[in-house]
Amino acid sequence: MQTSNTSPVTAESPCIGHCTTVLGDDVCRSCMRTFDEITRWIEMSDDERIAVNQRVADLLKQG
């Protein structure tokens, strides 16, 4: 999968170490993943991770 700016959407974690779910947010303000996505990340397949990253990329494009 690719975003419109031709950057590949990968299965790499988008975490930048500033998680806000520990503060009670349902969605992390840094990586835009849900609490469930964050806690399940290590169990997810690459395809699932790519789907999450694509959803986040699409959200960011919407601005």
C-alpha atoms as a PDB file:
ATOM      1  CA  MET A   1       0.000   0.000   0.000  1.00  0.00           C
ATOM      2  CA  GLN A   2       1.152   3.507  -0.659  1.00  0.00           C
ATOM      3  CA  THR A   3       0.017   6.978   0.232  1.00  0.00           C
ATOM      4  CA  SER A   4      -0.475   9.593  -2.447  1.00  0.00           C
ATOM      5  CA  ASN A   5       2.965  11.081  -1.797  1.00  0.00           C
ATOM      6  CA  THR A   6       4.481   7.711  -2.860  1.00  0.00           C
ATOM      7  CA  SER A   7       5.879   6.975   0.603  1.00  0.00           C
ATOM      8  CA  PRO A   8       5.304   3.310   1.291  1.00  0.00           C
ATOM      9  CA  VAL A   9       3.069   2.453   4.209  1.00  0.00           C
ATOM     10  CA  THR A  10       5.012  -0.146   6.153  1.00  0.00           C
ATOM     11  CA  ALA A  11       4.422  -2.444   9.110  1.00  0.00           C
ATOM     12  CA  GLU A  12       6.891  -0.429  11.231  1.00  0.00           C
ATOM     13  CA  SER A  13       5.584   0.977  14.498  1.00  0.00           C
ATOM     14  CA  PRO A  14       4.634   4.655  14.273  1.00  0.00           C
ATOM     15  CA  CYS A  15       5.418   5.106  17.966  1.00  0.00           C
ATOM     16  CA  ILE A  16       7.634   8.078  18.776  1.00  0.00           C
ATOM     17  CA  GLY A  17       7.705   7.465  22.519  1.00  0.00           C
ATOM     18  CA  HIS A  18       5.191  10.119  23.560  1.00  0.00           C
ATOM     19  CA  CYS A  19       2.179   7.920  24.285  1.00  0.00           C
ATOM     20  CA  THR A  20      -0.858   9.746  25.624  1.00  0.00           C
ATOM     21  CA  THR A  21      -3.027   6.677  26.223  1.00  0.00           C
ATOM     22  CA  VAL A  22      -1.387   6.422  29.640  1.00  0.00           C
ATOM     23  CA  LEU A  23      -3.067   9.759  30.360  1.00  0.00           C
ATOM     24  CA  GLY A  24      -6.481   8.282  29.539  1.00  0.00           C
ATOM     25  CA  ASP A  25      -6.749   9.176  25.842  1.00  0.00           C
ATOM     26  CA  ASP A  26      -8.560   6.593  23.690  1.00  0.00           C
ATOM     27  CA  VAL A  27      -6.345   7.542  20.745  1.00  0.00           C
ATOM     28  CA  CYS A  28      -2.690   8.472  21.148  1.00  0.00           C
ATOM     29  CA  ARG A  29      -2.088  12.080  20.111  1.00  0.00           C
ATOM     30  CA  SER A  30       1.401  11.192  18.874  1.00  0.00           C
ATOM     31  CA  CYS A  31       0.896   8.109  16.688  1.00  0.00           C
ATOM     32  CA  MET A  32      -2.892   8.244  16.230  1.00  0.00           C
ATOM     33  CA  ARG A  33      -3.341   4.573  17.121  1.00  0.00           C
ATOM     34  CA  THR A  34      -6.120   3.420  19.411  1.00  0.00           C
ATOM     35  CA  PHE A  35      -5.331   1.900  22.793  1.00  0.00           C
ATOM     36  CA  ASP A  36      -6.333  -1.505  21.384  1.00  0.00           C
ATOM     37  CA  GLU A  37      -4.021  -1.101  18.381  1.00  0.00           C
ATOM     38  CA  ILE A  38      -1.123  -0.142  20.631  1.00  0.00           C
ATOM     39  CA  THR A  39      -1.604  -3.043  23.031  1.00  0.00           C
ATOM     40  CA  ARG A  40      -2.136  -5.585  20.246  1.00  0.00           C
ATOM     41  CA  TRP A  41       0.712  -4.306  18.024  1.00  0.00           C
ATOM     42  CA  ILE A  42       3.167  -7.116  18.797  1.00  0.00           C
ATOM     43  CA  GLU A  43       0.469  -9.721  18.096  1.00  0.00           C
ATOM     44  CA  MET A  44      -0.636  -8.195  14.780  1.00  0.00           C
ATOM     45  CA  SER A  45       0.396  -9.555  11.425  1.00  0.00           C
ATOM     46  CA  ASP A  46       2.276  -7.283   9.027  1.00  0.00           C
ATOM     47  CA  ASP A  47      -0.937  -6.892   7.007  1.00  0.00           C
ATOM     48  CA  GLU A  48      -2.824  -5.731  10.107  1.00  0.00           C
ATOM     49  CA  ARG A  49      -0.048  -3.291  10.975  1.00  0.00           C
ATOM     50  CA  ILE A  50      -0.014  -1.915   7.449  1.00  0.00           C
ATOM     51  CA  ALA A  51      -3.796  -1.439   7.623  1.00  0.00           C
ATOM     52  CA  VAL A  52      -3.456   0.525  10.868  1.00  0.00           C
ATOM     53  CA  ASN A  53      -0.660   2.653   9.407  1.00  0.00           C
ATOM     54  CA  GLN A  54      -2.732   3.273   6.265  1.00  0.00           C
ATOM     55  CA  ARG A  55      -5.687   4.398   8.392  1.00  0.00           C
ATOM     56  CA  VAL A  56      -3.392   6.773  10.290  1.00  0.00           C
ATOM     57  CA  ALA A  57      -1.867   8.086   7.036  1.00  0.00           C
ATOM     58  CA  ASP A  58      -5.358   8.690   5.628  1.00  0.00           C
ATOM     59  CA  LEU A  59      -6.361  10.549   8.805  1.00  0.00           C
ATOM     60  CA  LEU A  60      -3.301  12.759   8.577  1.00  0.00           C
ATOM     61  CA  LYS A  61      -4.010  13.549   4.910  1.00  0.00           C
ATOM     62  CA  GLN A  62      -7.517  14.708   5.872  1.00  0.00           C
ATOM     63  CA  GLY A  63      -5.863  17.142   8.252  1.00  0.00           C
END
